[in-house]
Amino acid sequence: MRLIDADNIYGAGRFIKLDKNGNAYVSLADICKIIDIQPTAYDVDKVVEKLNKIKKYNLNLADMMLDIQANGTNRHFVCLEDTIEIVKAGGNA
C-alpha cells in the first residue's frame, strides 16, 4: 500500500469521456490508471527502513545525559521500536 498525493488527481481530465447524452464518465480501468500514475506522497517502507537504521545507534544513558545537558530538557526520547510499529500501522495502532 502507498499513500498518494490526491491533489494531483484533479489534473487527470484527459481520462474523462462523454457519452452520447453529454454525460461525463471515467471507466474503472482509467480510474486505476489515474491512481497508478500518482506520485507516492509517503512511503511507509522507506520511513521504517530509515528508523531501523537509526535504531542501531541508540544512545546509552550517559549519552542521553550529555544530550540533555547540551540541548536542555525539552528533548523527548521515544522507543524507536514503538515508533516503527506506529509508522507501520499508519497511525491505526
N, C-alpha and C. Protein backbone atom coordinates (compact mmCIF):
# COMPACT_ATOMS: atom_id res chain seq x y z
N MET A 1 0.85 -1.18 0.00
CA MET A 1 0.00 0.00 0.00
C MET A 1 0.89 1.24 0.00
N ARG A 2 0.43 2.28 -0.69
CA ARG A 2 1.16 3.54 -0.69
C ARG A 2 0.16 4.68 -0.60
N LEU A 3 0.61 5.77 -0.07
CA LEU A 3 -0.22 6.97 0.01
C LEU A 3 0.14 7.87 -1.16
N ILE A 4 -0.88 8.39 -1.84
CA ILE A 4 -0.63 9.24 -2.99
C ILE A 4 -1.04 10.68 -2.69
N ASP A 5 -0.54 11.57 -3.52
CA ASP A 5 -0.89 12.98 -3.42
C ASP A 5 -2.20 13.19 -4.18
N ALA A 6 -3.30 13.24 -3.45
CA ALA A 6 -4.63 13.32 -4.08
C ALA A 6 -4.84 14.60 -4.87
N ASP A 7 -4.11 15.66 -4.56
CA ASP A 7 -4.27 16.91 -5.31
C ASP A 7 -3.92 16.74 -6.78
N ASN A 8 -3.04 15.80 -7.10
CA ASN A 8 -2.65 15.58 -8.49
C ASN A 8 -3.76 14.95 -9.32
N ILE A 9 -4.72 14.32 -8.69
CA ILE A 9 -5.80 13.65 -9.41
C ILE A 9 -6.65 14.65 -10.19
N TYR A 10 -6.74 15.87 -9.70
CA TYR A 10 -7.56 16.87 -10.38
C TYR A 10 -7.05 17.19 -11.78
N GLY A 11 -5.81 16.89 -12.07
CA GLY A 11 -5.25 17.14 -13.39
C GLY A 11 -5.43 15.99 -14.35
N ALA A 12 -6.27 15.03 -14.01
CA ALA A 12 -6.44 13.83 -14.83
C ALA A 12 -7.63 13.95 -15.78
N GLY A 13 -7.90 15.15 -16.26
CA GLY A 13 -9.05 15.38 -17.12
C GLY A 13 -9.03 14.63 -18.44
N ARG A 14 -7.85 14.23 -18.89
CA ARG A 14 -7.77 13.52 -20.18
C ARG A 14 -8.45 12.16 -20.14
N PHE A 15 -8.75 11.66 -18.95
CA PHE A 15 -9.40 10.36 -18.82
C PHE A 15 -10.94 10.47 -18.84
N ILE A 16 -11.44 11.69 -18.80
CA ILE A 16 -12.90 11.89 -18.79
C ILE A 16 -13.44 11.74 -20.20
N LYS A 17 -14.48 10.96 -20.33
CA LYS A 17 -15.13 10.74 -21.62
C LYS A 17 -16.58 11.21 -21.53
N LEU A 18 -17.14 11.54 -22.66
CA LEU A 18 -18.54 11.95 -22.72
C LEU A 18 -19.34 10.89 -23.47
N ASP A 19 -20.52 10.56 -22.94
CA ASP A 19 -21.39 9.64 -23.67
C ASP A 19 -22.23 10.44 -24.67
N LYS A 20 -23.12 9.77 -25.40
CA LYS A 20 -23.90 10.44 -26.46
C LYS A 20 -24.86 11.48 -25.91
N ASN A 21 -25.16 11.43 -24.62
CA ASN A 21 -26.04 12.42 -24.00
C ASN A 21 -25.26 13.58 -23.37
N GLY A 22 -23.94 13.54 -23.50
CA GLY A 22 -23.13 14.61 -22.95
C GLY A 22 -22.76 14.41 -21.49
N ASN A 23 -23.07 13.23 -20.94
CA ASN A 23 -22.70 12.94 -19.55
C ASN A 23 -21.24 12.51 -19.47
N ALA A 24 -20.53 13.03 -18.48
CA ALA A 24 -19.13 12.68 -18.30
C ALA A 24 -19.01 11.39 -17.49
N TYR A 25 -18.05 10.57 -17.88
CA TYR A 25 -17.78 9.36 -17.10
C TYR A 25 -16.30 9.00 -17.23
N VAL A 26 -15.85 8.20 -16.29
CA VAL A 26 -14.48 7.68 -16.30
C VAL A 26 -14.60 6.19 -16.07
N SER A 27 -13.96 5.41 -16.92
CA SER A 27 -14.04 3.96 -16.79
C SER A 27 -13.23 3.49 -15.58
N LEU A 28 -13.56 2.33 -15.08
CA LEU A 28 -12.83 1.77 -13.95
C LEU A 28 -11.36 1.57 -14.32
N ALA A 29 -11.09 1.14 -15.53
CA ALA A 29 -9.70 0.95 -15.98
C ALA A 29 -8.95 2.27 -15.94
N ASP A 30 -9.61 3.35 -16.36
CA ASP A 30 -8.97 4.67 -16.33
C ASP A 30 -8.77 5.16 -14.90
N ILE A 31 -9.70 4.86 -14.01
CA ILE A 31 -9.53 5.24 -12.60
C ILE A 31 -8.28 4.56 -12.05
N CYS A 32 -8.09 3.30 -12.39
CA CYS A 32 -6.89 2.57 -11.95
C CYS A 32 -5.63 3.22 -12.51
N LYS A 33 -5.67 3.63 -13.80
CA LYS A 33 -4.52 4.31 -14.40
C LYS A 33 -4.23 5.62 -13.68
N ILE A 34 -5.29 6.38 -13.38
CA ILE A 34 -5.13 7.67 -12.69
C ILE A 34 -4.42 7.46 -11.37
N ILE A 35 -4.84 6.45 -10.63
CA ILE A 35 -4.23 6.18 -9.32
C ILE A 35 -2.78 5.72 -9.50
N ASP A 36 -2.54 4.84 -10.47
CA ASP A 36 -1.20 4.30 -10.67
C ASP A 36 -0.16 5.36 -11.03
N ILE A 37 -0.57 6.39 -11.76
CA ILE A 37 0.41 7.39 -12.19
C ILE A 37 0.68 8.46 -11.15
N GLN A 38 -0.02 8.41 -10.02
CA GLN A 38 0.18 9.41 -8.98
C GLN A 38 1.48 9.15 -8.23
N PRO A 39 2.22 10.20 -7.90
CA PRO A 39 3.46 10.01 -7.14
C PRO A 39 3.15 9.60 -5.71
N THR A 40 4.07 8.89 -5.12
CA THR A 40 3.92 8.48 -3.74
C THR A 40 4.18 9.68 -2.84
N ALA A 41 3.24 9.96 -1.96
CA ALA A 41 3.38 11.10 -1.05
C ALA A 41 4.10 10.69 0.23
N TYR A 42 3.98 9.41 0.60
CA TYR A 42 4.54 8.94 1.86
C TYR A 42 4.80 7.46 1.71
N ASP A 43 6.06 7.06 1.76
CA ASP A 43 6.42 5.66 1.59
C ASP A 43 6.74 5.06 2.97
N VAL A 44 5.79 4.31 3.51
CA VAL A 44 5.93 3.72 4.84
C VAL A 44 7.17 2.85 4.92
N ASP A 45 7.42 2.05 3.90
CA ASP A 45 8.58 1.15 3.94
C ASP A 45 9.89 1.91 4.03
N LYS A 46 10.01 3.03 3.32
CA LYS A 46 11.24 3.82 3.39
C LYS A 46 11.41 4.45 4.76
N VAL A 47 10.31 4.92 5.35
CA VAL A 47 10.39 5.51 6.69
C VAL A 47 10.83 4.46 7.70
N VAL A 48 10.23 3.28 7.63
CA VAL A 48 10.58 2.20 8.55
C VAL A 48 12.04 1.80 8.37
N GLU A 49 12.48 1.74 7.12
CA GLU A 49 13.88 1.40 6.85
C GLU A 49 14.83 2.40 7.50
N LYS A 50 14.53 3.68 7.36
CA LYS A 50 15.38 4.71 7.98
C LYS A 50 15.35 4.62 9.49
N LEU A 51 14.17 4.38 10.07
CA LEU A 51 14.08 4.24 11.52
C LEU A 51 14.86 3.03 12.01
N ASN A 52 14.83 1.95 11.25
CA ASN A 52 15.60 0.77 11.64
C ASN A 52 17.09 1.04 11.60
N LYS A 53 17.56 1.85 10.64
CA LYS A 53 18.97 2.21 10.60
C LYS A 53 19.36 3.05 11.81
N ILE A 54 18.47 3.98 12.18
CA ILE A 54 18.74 4.84 13.34
C ILE A 54 18.74 4.02 14.63
N LYS A 55 17.90 3.01 14.67
CA LYS A 55 17.75 2.21 15.89
C LYS A 55 19.09 1.63 16.36
N LYS A 56 19.97 1.28 15.42
CA LYS A 56 21.23 0.67 15.81
C LYS A 56 22.16 1.68 16.49
N TYR A 57 21.83 2.96 16.40
CA TYR A 57 22.64 4.00 17.03
C TYR A 57 22.00 4.51 18.34
N ASN A 58 21.21 3.68 18.98
CA ASN A 58 20.56 4.10 20.22
C ASN A 58 21.59 4.66 21.20
N LEU A 59 21.16 5.69 21.88
CA LEU A 59 22.03 6.31 22.88
C LEU A 59 21.98 5.53 24.18
N ASN A 60 23.11 5.40 24.84
CA ASN A 60 23.08 4.82 26.17
C ASN A 60 22.77 5.92 27.17
N LEU A 61 22.61 5.58 28.41
CA LEU A 61 22.19 6.55 29.43
C LEU A 61 23.15 7.73 29.54
N ALA A 62 24.45 7.46 29.49
CA ALA A 62 25.43 8.55 29.59
C ALA A 62 25.29 9.52 28.41
N ASP A 63 25.08 8.98 27.21
CA ASP A 63 24.90 9.85 26.04
C ASP A 63 23.63 10.68 26.18
N MET A 64 22.57 10.09 26.73
CA MET A 64 21.34 10.85 26.95
C MET A 64 21.57 12.01 27.91
N MET A 65 22.31 11.74 28.96
CA MET A 65 22.56 12.80 29.93
C MET A 65 23.37 13.93 29.29
N LEU A 66 24.38 13.57 28.50
CA LEU A 66 25.16 14.59 27.80
C LEU A 66 24.28 15.38 26.82
N ASP A 67 23.38 14.69 26.16
CA ASP A 67 22.49 15.35 25.22
C ASP A 67 21.57 16.32 25.94
N ILE A 68 21.04 15.90 27.08
CA ILE A 68 20.16 16.79 27.86
C ILE A 68 20.95 18.01 28.34
N GLN A 69 22.18 17.79 28.78
CA GLN A 69 22.99 18.92 29.23
C GLN A 69 23.27 19.88 28.08
N ALA A 70 23.50 19.35 26.90
CA ALA A 70 23.82 20.19 25.74
C ALA A 70 22.60 20.86 25.14
N ASN A 71 21.45 20.19 25.18
CA ASN A 71 20.28 20.68 24.47
C ASN A 71 19.10 21.05 25.36
N GLY A 72 19.23 20.91 26.65
CA GLY A 72 18.14 21.24 27.55
C GLY A 72 17.20 20.06 27.76
N THR A 73 16.24 20.26 28.63
CA THR A 73 15.34 19.17 29.00
C THR A 73 14.10 19.11 28.11
N ASN A 74 14.03 19.93 27.08
CA ASN A 74 12.87 19.91 26.20
C ASN A 74 12.96 18.79 25.16
N ARG A 75 14.01 17.99 25.25
CA ARG A 75 14.17 16.88 24.32
C ARG A 75 13.27 15.73 24.76
N HIS A 76 12.70 15.04 23.81
CA HIS A 76 11.84 13.89 24.12
C HIS A 76 12.47 12.64 23.52
N PHE A 77 12.59 11.62 24.34
CA PHE A 77 13.15 10.35 23.88
C PHE A 77 12.01 9.35 23.78
N VAL A 78 11.93 8.68 22.65
CA VAL A 78 10.90 7.66 22.46
C VAL A 78 11.59 6.36 22.08
N CYS A 79 10.94 5.29 22.38
CA CYS A 79 11.43 3.98 21.98
C CYS A 79 11.25 3.86 20.47
N LEU A 80 12.34 3.66 19.75
CA LEU A 80 12.26 3.59 18.29
C LEU A 80 11.43 2.40 17.83
N GLU A 81 11.45 1.31 18.56
CA GLU A 81 10.64 0.16 18.16
C GLU A 81 9.15 0.50 18.22
N ASP A 82 8.73 1.28 19.24
CA ASP A 82 7.33 1.72 19.30
C ASP A 82 7.02 2.65 18.13
N THR A 83 7.96 3.53 17.80
CA THR A 83 7.77 4.46 16.69
C THR A 83 7.62 3.71 15.38
N ILE A 84 8.45 2.69 15.17
CA ILE A 84 8.38 1.90 13.95
C ILE A 84 7.03 1.21 13.83
N GLU A 85 6.51 0.67 14.92
CA GLU A 85 5.22 0.00 14.89
C GLU A 85 4.09 0.99 14.58
N ILE A 86 4.18 2.20 15.12
CA ILE A 86 3.18 3.24 14.84
C ILE A 86 3.20 3.59 13.36
N VAL A 87 4.39 3.77 12.79
CA VAL A 87 4.51 4.11 11.37
C VAL A 87 3.98 2.99 10.50
N LYS A 88 4.32 1.74 10.84
CA LYS A 88 3.84 0.60 10.06
C LYS A 88 2.32 0.53 10.06
N ALA A 89 1.71 0.87 11.20
CA ALA A 89 0.25 0.80 11.32
C ALA A 89 -0.42 2.02 10.72
N GLY A 90 0.34 3.00 10.29
CA GLY A 90 -0.23 4.19 9.69
C GLY A 90 -1.07 4.99 10.67
N GLY A 91 -0.73 4.92 11.96
CA GLY A 91 -1.48 5.64 12.99
C GLY A 91 -2.69 4.88 13.48
N ASN A 92 -2.88 3.65 12.98
CA ASN A 92 -4.03 2.85 13.37
C ASN A 92 -3.69 1.84 14.46
N ALA A 93 -2.75 2.18 15.30
CA ALA A 93 -2.38 1.24 16.38
C ALA A 93 -2.73 1.82 17.72
